[in-house]
Amino acid sequence: MIRTLETMSGTAKQVLLAKPRGYCAGVDRAVEAVEQALDKYGAPVYVRKEIVHNKHVVETLRDRGAIFVEEASEVPEGAHVVFSAHGVSPAVREEAKGRQLQTIDATCPLVTKVHHEAKRFAREDYDILLVGHAGHEEVEGTAGEAPEHIQLVESAADVDKVTVRDPDKVIWLSQTTLSVDETMETVRALRERFPKLQDPPSDDICYATQNRQVAVKTMAPRCDLVLVVGSRNSSNSVRLVEVALGAGAGASYLIDYAKEIDASWLEGVGTIGVTSGASVPEVLVRGVVEHLAERGFGSVEEVDTAEETLVFSLPRELRPARAAAR
């Protein structure tokens, strides 16, 4: 931690750096899966959708020989294809099998947990209300596990449109990368309509999403500005901007790189909070901190709200033979 404060016009200029930030265990596993697949099989290795929602990560892997496609139908028969961290539906798996693709499943285990919940409650003939964003790959994958039983609910405003067969057999699940507060607002609205709405067996919003939001909530009231490093198609990164503003930050912006920082944002600003979404490599955060230091924000204080130690093993196709046999 740098403790020397620089001043300009009588205003102390400092950076509050959120911790935890950046890569979660699921993203780390997914990115490493593509890297290991390239090492093991050689280029090209195909990846369905973006492996994670981060421009820098995708471009870096593309430079190494990964080919990103929208659908399995675009992959040559028999080739290696990695399924992204967001998961896929059974229909995608069947399509890949039909094309004899060598699949490597990099789905985050926490997303897989939600898939298992969807299948379980569909077997028990529940109506499942999935809180999430239409078009997001994770939502498409989860909904695909039980399409006859799942309805998507994007926000509290959608609750009046929901219909169920039996109000005594209704459960909600959620996309893992949502805002905790916004999700619970939707759930409260659902419960007003369906008092016997059941909660999922365990929290669906992932630990990393929650931890990053808590860190931002903690530092935001002290910040004139919060910069969130992350890509615009990253749900959890976009949510961090919303959380920062809701928690009292004077302003907040989403950026991929330090070069995107507008000089006008820094005018009259004393304290800047910096964080990053769960799919963002630390090198990009360091670039932002260095950029700010060059503009007088040389004092950096880390706001530490949680310790993350979770690690996920690689997909079984990429594990050493002995480990895979266990």
Protein backbone atom coordinates (compact mmCIF):
# COMPACT_ATOMS: atom_id res chain seq x y z
CA MET A 1 0.00 0.00 0.00
CA ILE A 2 1.30 3.44 -0.93
CA ARG A 3 0.62 5.87 1.93
CA THR A 4 1.96 9.17 0.58
CA LEU A 5 -0.90 11.43 -0.48
CA GLU A 6 -0.44 13.91 -3.26
CA THR A 7 -2.56 17.02 -3.27
CA MET A 8 -3.84 19.36 -5.92
CA SER A 9 -5.95 22.43 -5.18
CA GLY A 10 -6.18 21.21 -1.60
CA THR A 11 -7.84 17.92 -2.55
CA ALA A 12 -6.19 14.62 -1.62
CA LYS A 13 -6.02 12.40 -4.68
CA GLN A 14 -6.19 8.69 -4.05
CA VAL A 15 -7.28 5.37 -5.49
CA LEU A 16 -9.33 2.81 -3.59
CA LEU A 17 -8.64 -0.61 -5.08
CA ALA A 18 -11.35 -3.21 -4.47
CA LYS A 19 -10.43 -6.67 -3.27
CA PRO A 20 -11.57 -9.16 -4.39
CA ARG A 21 -11.65 -8.18 -8.05
CA GLY A 22 -10.89 -9.78 -11.40
CA TYR A 23 -10.73 -13.47 -12.24
CA CYS A 24 -12.98 -15.85 -10.36
CA ALA A 25 -12.27 -19.58 -10.14
CA GLY A 26 -14.63 -20.41 -13.01
CA VAL A 27 -13.05 -17.89 -15.38
CA ASP A 28 -9.54 -18.94 -14.44
CA ARG A 29 -10.47 -22.56 -15.19
CA ALA A 30 -12.10 -21.70 -18.53
CA VAL A 31 -9.22 -19.58 -19.82
CA GLU A 32 -6.69 -22.17 -18.72
CA ALA A 33 -8.74 -24.85 -20.46
CA VAL A 34 -8.32 -23.10 -23.82
CA GLU A 35 -4.62 -22.52 -23.19
CA GLN A 36 -4.07 -26.16 -22.20
CA ALA A 37 -6.08 -27.39 -25.18
CA LEU A 38 -3.87 -25.34 -27.52
CA ASP A 39 -0.77 -26.77 -25.85
CA LYS A 40 -2.07 -30.34 -25.99
CA TYR A 41 -3.72 -30.46 -29.42
CA GLY A 42 -2.14 -27.54 -31.24
CA ALA A 43 -3.92 -24.80 -33.15
CA PRO A 44 -6.60 -24.42 -34.15
CA VAL A 45 -8.85 -25.18 -31.19
CA TYR A 46 -12.42 -24.00 -31.63
CA VAL A 47 -14.39 -22.22 -28.91
CA ARG A 48 -18.18 -21.90 -29.02
CA LYS A 49 -19.04 -18.29 -28.16
CA GLU A 50 -16.56 -16.19 -26.18
CA ILE A 51 -14.86 -18.36 -23.58
CA VAL A 52 -15.50 -15.54 -21.09
CA HIS A 53 -16.92 -12.08 -21.70
CA ASN A 54 -13.71 -10.06 -21.97
CA LYS A 55 -12.33 -8.47 -25.11
CA HIS A 56 -8.66 -8.70 -24.07
CA VAL A 57 -8.89 -12.38 -23.11
CA VAL A 58 -10.61 -13.32 -26.37
CA GLU A 59 -8.12 -11.39 -28.50
CA THR A 60 -5.16 -12.92 -26.64
CA LEU A 61 -6.45 -16.46 -27.14
CA ARG A 62 -7.27 -15.75 -30.77
CA ASP A 63 -3.66 -14.69 -31.28
CA ARG A 64 -2.59 -18.06 -29.89
CA GLY A 65 -4.73 -19.98 -32.37
CA ALA A 66 -8.19 -20.24 -30.83
CA ILE A 67 -11.04 -19.83 -33.32
CA PHE A 68 -14.25 -18.45 -31.83
CA VAL A 69 -17.51 -19.50 -33.45
CA GLU A 70 -21.15 -18.84 -32.70
CA GLU A 71 -22.42 -22.39 -33.14
CA ALA A 72 -21.08 -25.93 -33.14
CA SER A 73 -22.24 -26.25 -36.77
CA GLU A 74 -19.34 -23.94 -37.74
CA VAL A 75 -16.72 -26.35 -36.36
CA PRO A 76 -15.20 -28.88 -38.80
CA GLU A 77 -16.33 -32.43 -38.09
CA GLY A 78 -14.07 -34.23 -35.63
CA ALA A 79 -12.31 -31.06 -34.44
CA HIS A 80 -11.74 -29.99 -30.82
CA VAL A 81 -14.24 -27.49 -29.44
CA VAL A 82 -14.37 -25.85 -26.02
CA PHE A 83 -17.72 -24.95 -24.47
CA SER A 84 -17.54 -21.58 -22.77
CA ALA A 85 -17.76 -20.86 -19.04
CA HIS A 86 -21.41 -19.83 -19.47
CA GLY A 87 -22.58 -23.35 -20.31
CA VAL A 88 -24.61 -24.85 -23.13
CA SER A 89 -27.97 -26.55 -23.52
CA PRO A 90 -28.44 -30.29 -24.13
CA ALA A 91 -29.31 -29.47 -27.75
CA VAL A 92 -25.84 -28.00 -28.31
CA ARG A 93 -24.23 -31.09 -26.81
CA GLU A 94 -26.27 -33.31 -29.10
CA GLU A 95 -25.30 -31.26 -32.12
CA ALA A 96 -21.62 -31.54 -31.19
CA LYS A 97 -21.97 -35.29 -30.71
CA GLY A 98 -23.65 -35.63 -34.09
CA ARG A 99 -20.72 -33.86 -35.72
CA GLN A 100 -18.26 -36.10 -33.83
CA LEU A 101 -16.62 -33.08 -32.22
CA GLN A 102 -14.04 -33.58 -29.50
CA THR A 103 -15.68 -31.51 -26.77
CA ILE A 104 -13.98 -29.88 -23.80
CA ASP A 105 -16.52 -28.58 -21.31
CA ALA A 106 -15.30 -25.41 -19.60
CA THR A 107 -18.70 -24.61 -18.08
CA CYS A 108 -18.26 -23.01 -14.66
CA PRO A 109 -19.17 -25.60 -12.01
CA LEU A 110 -21.46 -23.03 -10.36
CA VAL A 111 -23.41 -22.73 -13.62
CA THR A 112 -23.52 -26.53 -13.84
CA LYS A 113 -25.06 -26.53 -10.35
CA VAL A 114 -27.93 -24.35 -11.62
CA HIS A 115 -28.39 -26.73 -14.57
CA HIS A 116 -28.70 -29.65 -12.15
CA GLU A 117 -31.27 -27.71 -10.11
CA ALA A 118 -33.30 -26.99 -13.25
CA LYS A 119 -33.32 -30.67 -14.24
CA ARG A 120 -34.22 -31.79 -10.73
CA PHE A 121 -37.18 -29.47 -10.32
CA ALA A 122 -38.39 -30.19 -13.83
CA ARG A 123 -38.43 -33.90 -12.95
CA GLU A 124 -40.52 -32.99 -9.91
CA ASP A 125 -42.88 -31.06 -12.23
CA TYR A 126 -42.30 -27.59 -10.80
CA ASP A 127 -42.79 -24.36 -12.70
CA ILE A 128 -39.32 -22.79 -12.67
CA LEU A 129 -38.99 -19.00 -12.79
CA LEU A 130 -35.52 -18.16 -14.06
CA VAL A 131 -34.37 -14.65 -13.13
CA GLY A 132 -31.92 -13.49 -15.78
CA HIS A 133 -31.32 -11.56 -18.98
CA ALA A 134 -32.76 -12.70 -22.31
CA GLY A 135 -30.12 -13.68 -24.84
CA HIS A 136 -27.35 -14.28 -22.32
CA GLU A 137 -25.57 -17.56 -23.04
CA GLU A 138 -25.94 -18.75 -19.47
CA VAL A 139 -29.70 -18.21 -19.53
CA GLU A 140 -30.01 -20.01 -22.86
CA GLY A 141 -28.05 -22.97 -21.51
CA THR A 142 -30.05 -23.24 -18.28
CA ALA A 143 -33.41 -22.78 -20.01
CA GLY A 144 -32.44 -25.45 -22.49
CA GLU A 145 -32.26 -28.03 -19.69
CA ALA A 146 -36.01 -27.87 -19.10
CA PRO A 147 -37.70 -25.63 -21.68
CA GLU A 148 -41.20 -26.87 -20.90
CA HIS A 149 -40.87 -25.90 -17.24
CA ILE A 150 -38.82 -22.67 -17.31
CA GLN A 151 -40.05 -19.11 -17.74
CA LEU A 152 -37.62 -16.21 -17.92
CA VAL A 153 -38.25 -13.26 -15.61
CA GLU A 154 -35.94 -10.34 -16.41
CA SER A 155 -37.07 -7.91 -13.72
CA ALA A 156 -39.80 -7.09 -11.22
CA ALA A 157 -41.66 -5.37 -14.08
CA ASP A 158 -42.17 -8.76 -15.74
CA VAL A 159 -43.80 -10.44 -12.76
CA ASP A 160 -47.39 -9.63 -13.76
CA LYS A 161 -46.88 -11.55 -17.01
CA VAL A 162 -45.94 -14.80 -15.27
CA THR A 163 -48.44 -17.65 -15.26
CA VAL A 164 -48.00 -20.97 -13.47
CA ARG A 165 -49.95 -24.21 -13.42
CA ASP A 166 -49.89 -24.73 -9.66
CA PRO A 167 -48.93 -21.84 -7.33
CA ASP A 168 -47.97 -24.42 -4.70
CA LYS A 169 -45.23 -25.82 -6.94
CA VAL A 170 -43.14 -22.86 -8.05
CA ILE A 171 -39.42 -22.26 -7.54
CA TRP A 172 -37.05 -19.54 -8.68
CA LEU A 173 -33.52 -19.95 -10.00
CA SER A 174 -31.19 -17.25 -11.32
CA GLN A 175 -28.39 -16.41 -13.67
CA THR A 176 -25.21 -16.49 -11.60
CA THR A 177 -23.87 -13.05 -12.58
CA LEU A 178 -26.74 -10.75 -11.60
CA SER A 179 -26.91 -7.93 -9.08
CA VAL A 180 -27.86 -9.46 -5.75
CA ASP A 181 -30.09 -6.51 -4.84
CA GLU A 182 -31.88 -6.42 -8.20
CA THR A 183 -32.44 -10.17 -8.13
CA MET A 184 -33.96 -10.07 -4.66
CA GLU A 185 -36.23 -7.21 -5.72
CA THR A 186 -37.55 -9.44 -8.50
CA VAL A 187 -37.91 -12.38 -6.12
CA ARG A 188 -39.86 -10.25 -3.63
CA ALA A 189 -42.24 -9.24 -6.41
CA LEU A 190 -42.63 -12.88 -7.44
CA ARG A 191 -43.34 -13.91 -3.87
CA GLU A 192 -46.09 -11.30 -3.58
CA ARG A 193 -47.84 -13.03 -6.49
CA PHE A 194 -46.89 -16.55 -5.45
CA PRO A 195 -46.60 -16.70 -1.62
CA LYS A 196 -45.47 -20.32 -1.69
CA LEU A 197 -42.59 -19.60 -4.11
CA GLN A 198 -39.65 -21.76 -3.09
CA ASP A 199 -36.02 -20.69 -2.92
CA PRO A 200 -33.26 -22.68 -4.67
CA PRO A 201 -31.49 -25.24 -2.47
CA SER A 202 -28.44 -22.96 -2.39
CA ASP A 203 -27.68 -19.43 -3.55
CA ASP A 204 -27.47 -19.31 -7.35
CA ILE A 205 -25.66 -15.96 -7.63
CA CYS A 206 -22.02 -16.95 -7.58
CA TYR A 207 -19.72 -16.17 -4.66
CA ALA A 208 -17.42 -14.08 -6.88
CA THR A 209 -20.26 -11.90 -8.17
CA GLN A 210 -21.46 -11.29 -4.61
CA ASN A 211 -17.96 -10.63 -3.26
CA ARG A 212 -17.17 -8.07 -5.96
CA GLN A 213 -20.45 -6.29 -5.37
CA VAL A 214 -19.84 -6.16 -1.60
CA ALA A 215 -16.38 -4.67 -2.14
CA VAL A 216 -17.81 -1.99 -4.43
CA LYS A 217 -20.63 -1.21 -1.99
CA THR A 218 -18.03 -0.77 0.76
CA MET A 219 -15.84 1.70 -1.11
CA ALA A 220 -18.41 3.53 -3.27
CA PRO A 221 -19.61 5.98 -0.58
CA ARG A 222 -16.03 7.29 -0.35
CA CYS A 223 -15.61 7.67 -4.12
CA ASP A 224 -16.19 10.61 -6.42
CA LEU A 225 -15.70 8.17 -9.29
CA VAL A 226 -15.64 4.39 -9.66
CA LEU A 227 -13.96 2.81 -12.68
CA VAL A 228 -15.00 -0.75 -13.46
CA VAL A 229 -12.65 -2.63 -15.75
CA GLY A 230 -14.67 -5.01 -17.89
CA SER A 231 -16.31 -5.53 -21.26
CA ARG A 232 -19.77 -4.30 -22.15
CA ASN A 233 -21.11 -7.81 -22.77
CA SER A 234 -20.00 -8.91 -19.29
CA SER A 235 -23.12 -9.04 -17.15
CA ASN A 236 -21.28 -9.01 -13.84
CA SER A 237 -19.11 -6.06 -14.91
CA VAL A 238 -22.13 -4.01 -15.99
CA ARG A 239 -23.78 -4.80 -12.66
CA LEU A 240 -20.74 -3.41 -10.78
CA VAL A 241 -21.30 0.01 -12.38
CA GLU A 242 -24.93 -0.09 -11.26
CA VAL A 243 -23.96 -1.21 -7.76
CA ALA A 244 -21.39 1.58 -7.45
CA LEU A 245 -23.92 4.23 -8.41
CA GLY A 246 -26.55 2.74 -6.14
CA ALA A 247 -24.13 2.68 -3.20
CA GLY A 248 -23.27 6.37 -3.47
CA ALA A 249 -20.42 6.84 -5.95
CA GLY A 250 -20.45 10.24 -7.62
CA ALA A 251 -20.04 8.65 -11.05
CA SER A 252 -19.08 5.28 -12.49
CA TYR A 253 -17.89 4.08 -15.90
CA LEU A 254 -17.13 0.73 -17.53
CA ILE A 255 -13.85 0.53 -19.46
CA ASP A 256 -11.88 -2.21 -21.18
CA TYR A 257 -8.52 -0.43 -21.07
CA ALA A 258 -6.87 2.50 -19.30
CA LYS A 259 -6.71 4.40 -22.59
CA GLU A 260 -10.51 4.71 -22.51
CA ILE A 261 -10.44 6.94 -19.42
CA ASP A 262 -11.70 10.40 -20.39
CA ALA A 263 -9.64 13.19 -18.83
CA SER A 264 -12.84 15.10 -18.08
CA TRP A 265 -13.92 12.31 -15.70
CA LEU A 266 -10.99 13.18 -13.43
CA GLU A 267 -11.67 16.90 -13.14
CA GLY A 268 -12.38 17.90 -9.54
CA VAL A 269 -12.14 14.28 -8.39
CA GLY A 270 -10.36 13.38 -5.17
CA THR A 271 -11.02 9.67 -4.68
CA ILE A 272 -11.35 7.08 -7.45
CA GLY A 273 -12.46 3.54 -6.82
CA VAL A 274 -11.13 0.84 -9.13
CA THR A 275 -12.48 -2.67 -9.52
CA SER A 276 -12.89 -5.26 -12.25
CA GLY A 277 -15.38 -7.88 -13.35
CA ALA A 278 -14.86 -11.58 -12.79
CA SER A 279 -13.52 -12.17 -16.31
CA VAL A 280 -10.84 -9.45 -16.24
CA PRO A 281 -7.11 -10.25 -15.99
CA GLU A 282 -5.17 -8.29 -13.37
CA VAL A 283 -2.84 -6.79 -15.98
CA LEU A 284 -5.69 -4.55 -17.17
CA VAL A 285 -6.37 -3.29 -13.63
CA ARG A 286 -2.68 -2.54 -13.15
CA GLY A 287 -2.75 -0.55 -16.36
CA VAL A 288 -5.58 1.60 -14.97
CA VAL A 289 -3.79 2.15 -11.65
CA GLU A 290 -0.60 3.18 -13.46
CA HIS A 291 -2.57 5.51 -15.74
CA LEU A 292 -4.13 7.21 -12.72
CA ALA A 293 -0.80 7.47 -10.91
CA GLU A 294 0.62 9.38 -13.86
CA ARG A 295 -2.22 11.86 -13.39
CA GLY A 296 -1.62 12.50 -9.72
CA PHE A 297 -3.52 9.64 -8.12
CA GLY A 298 -0.43 8.03 -6.64
CA SER A 299 -1.88 6.88 -3.33
CA VAL A 300 -3.47 3.44 -3.48
CA GLU A 301 -5.48 1.91 -0.65
CA GLU A 302 -6.81 -1.63 -1.02
CA VAL A 303 -10.33 -2.16 0.28
CA ASP A 304 -10.34 -5.82 1.29
CA THR A 305 -13.73 -7.36 2.09
CA ALA A 306 -13.27 -11.08 1.43
CA GLU A 307 -10.64 -13.76 0.88
CA GLU A 308 -11.18 -16.07 -2.08
CA THR A 309 -9.46 -19.46 -2.05
CA LEU A 310 -11.74 -21.57 -4.26
CA VAL A 311 -10.04 -23.37 -7.14
CA PHE A 312 -11.73 -25.58 -9.75
CA SER A 313 -9.94 -28.46 -11.44
CA LEU A 314 -9.56 -28.44 -15.21
CA PRO A 315 -12.11 -30.23 -17.43
CA ARG A 316 -11.46 -33.96 -17.27
CA GLU A 317 -10.30 -34.05 -20.91
CA LEU A 318 -7.30 -31.91 -19.95
CA ARG A 319 -6.32 -33.47 -16.64
CA PRO A 320 -3.28 -35.73 -16.36
CA ALA A 321 -4.22 -39.37 -16.88
CA ARG A 322 -3.75 -40.30 -13.20
CA ALA A 323 -5.93 -37.43 -11.95
CA ALA A 324 -8.62 -38.14 -14.54
CA ALA A 325 -8.84 -41.77 -13.38
CA ARG A 326 -9.65 -40.89 -9.78
